Protein backbone atom coordinates (compact mmCIF):
# COMPACT_ATOMS: atom_id res chain seq x y z
CA MET A 1 23.66 47.90 -12.95
CA VAL A 2 22.38 44.32 -12.64
CA MET A 3 21.20 43.28 -9.23
CA GLY A 4 21.88 39.65 -8.36
CA ALA A 5 20.27 37.58 -5.65
CA LYS A 6 21.64 38.36 -2.23
CA TYR A 7 22.64 35.26 -0.35
CA LYS A 8 22.61 34.91 3.42
CA PRO A 9 26.15 34.89 4.80
CA VAL A 10 27.25 31.47 6.01
CA ALA A 11 27.86 32.82 9.50
CA LYS A 12 24.16 33.78 9.84
CA LYS A 13 22.73 30.45 8.70
CA ILE A 14 20.80 28.59 11.36
CA LEU A 15 21.17 24.82 11.45
CA PRO A 16 18.43 22.76 13.09
CA VAL A 17 19.54 20.83 16.16
CA ALA A 18 17.97 17.56 17.20
CA THR A 19 16.69 17.72 20.77
CA TYR A 20 15.58 15.17 23.32
CA ASP A 21 12.31 15.72 25.14
CA PRO A 22 12.27 13.73 28.40
CA GLU A 23 8.54 14.52 28.84
CA ALA A 24 7.57 12.90 25.52
CA SER A 25 5.47 9.77 25.79
CA ILE A 26 6.98 6.54 24.55
CA PRO A 27 4.72 4.72 22.05
CA ILE A 28 3.68 1.23 23.07
CA TYR A 29 3.48 -1.21 20.19
CA LYS A 30 1.34 -4.31 20.50
CA PRO A 31 2.32 -7.49 18.65
CA ILE A 32 0.35 -8.31 15.53
CA VAL A 33 -1.33 -11.69 15.82
CA ILE A 34 -1.61 -13.32 12.42
CA GLY A 35 -3.07 -16.65 13.48
CA ASN A 36 -3.26 -19.78 11.38
CA ARG A 37 -3.33 -19.21 7.63
CA LYS A 38 -4.54 -21.60 4.97
CA PRO A 39 -1.75 -22.78 2.66
CA LEU A 40 -1.64 -21.05 -0.72
CA PRO A 41 -2.89 -23.11 -3.66
CA MET A 42 -0.35 -24.49 -6.10
CA GLU A 43 -2.69 -23.74 -9.03
CA PRO A 44 -5.03 -20.87 -8.11
CA ILE A 45 -8.28 -20.28 -9.99
CA GLY A 46 -8.09 -17.43 -12.51
CA PHE A 47 -9.39 -14.13 -11.17
CA LYS A 48 -12.05 -13.98 -13.90
CA ASN A 49 -13.38 -17.38 -12.78
CA LEU A 50 -13.50 -16.64 -9.04
CA GLU A 51 -16.88 -16.55 -7.32
CA TYR A 52 -17.63 -12.93 -6.41
CA THR A 53 -20.33 -13.15 -3.76
CA GLY A 54 -18.70 -11.24 -0.91
CA ARG A 55 -17.53 -7.72 -0.36
CA LEU A 56 -14.96 -7.56 -3.18
CA LEU A 57 -16.67 -7.23 -6.55
CA LYS A 58 -15.31 -8.41 -9.91
CA GLU A 59 -15.06 -4.79 -11.12
CA GLN A 60 -13.04 -3.82 -8.04
CA MET A 61 -10.72 -6.80 -8.52
CA ALA A 62 -10.23 -5.79 -12.17
CA LYS A 63 -9.44 -2.23 -11.08
CA ILE A 64 -6.83 -3.44 -8.56
CA ILE A 65 -5.20 -5.70 -11.13
CA SER A 66 -5.24 -2.94 -13.78
CA CYS A 67 -2.99 -0.86 -11.49
CA ILE A 68 -0.21 -3.45 -11.78
CA PRO A 69 2.18 -2.67 -14.63
CA ALA A 70 1.99 -5.02 -17.62
CA GLU A 71 4.52 -7.85 -17.60
CA PHE A 72 5.29 -7.20 -13.89
CA LEU A 73 3.53 -10.39 -12.76
CA THR A 74 2.92 -13.58 -14.66
CA LYS A 75 -0.64 -14.84 -15.16
CA SER A 76 -0.25 -17.40 -12.38
CA GLU A 77 1.10 -14.70 -10.03
CA LEU A 78 -1.90 -12.49 -10.87
CA ASP A 79 -4.23 -15.40 -10.16
CA LEU A 80 -2.48 -16.01 -6.82
CA LEU A 81 -2.77 -12.31 -5.94
CA ALA A 82 -6.48 -12.43 -6.78
CA HIS A 83 -6.86 -15.53 -4.60
CA ILE A 84 -5.19 -13.79 -1.64
CA LEU A 85 -7.28 -10.64 -2.11
CA LYS A 86 -10.46 -12.71 -2.31
CA GLN A 87 -9.46 -14.79 0.71
CA ASP A 88 -8.87 -11.65 2.80
CA GLU A 89 -11.57 -9.44 1.30
CA ASP A 90 -13.01 -8.65 4.73
CA VAL A 91 -9.84 -6.76 5.75
CA ILE A 92 -9.38 -4.73 2.55
CA ALA A 93 -10.38 -1.09 2.62
CA ILE A 94 -12.24 -0.20 -0.57
CA CYS A 95 -12.50 3.45 -1.57
CA CYS A 96 -15.37 4.37 -3.87
CA GLY A 97 -13.86 7.72 -4.88
CA LYS A 98 -13.46 8.96 -8.43
CA SER A 99 -9.64 8.81 -8.43
CA SER A 100 -7.69 7.30 -11.32
CA HIS A 101 -6.19 4.51 -9.13
C-alpha cells in the first residue's frame, strides 16, 4: 500500500485576516530638502581621468562601474555617472567588506 501525502481539508485551512490597530503609532515623514544642485556637464570628464583626492578612490569607482552590465550604459553615460558619484562622494556609503559586489 502506497501512502500519499495527506492534505489539510479546505474547511480547516486558516486564512490570515488584516486587522487595524488603533493604538499603532502613525509614522511622521519629514520632507527631503535637496537644495540647489549644480547643472550636469554636457561633456563629463572620463572616470579614469577624474581627480581622486577625496573619499572615493579610483579603485572603488572602478568596482562600482564594474557592477554595471556591459552595454547597459554608453561611455558618456558612464562618465556622467562617475561625475555624479564623484560630486556626491561625501554622501555615499562605502563598504570595505570582501563581498563580490
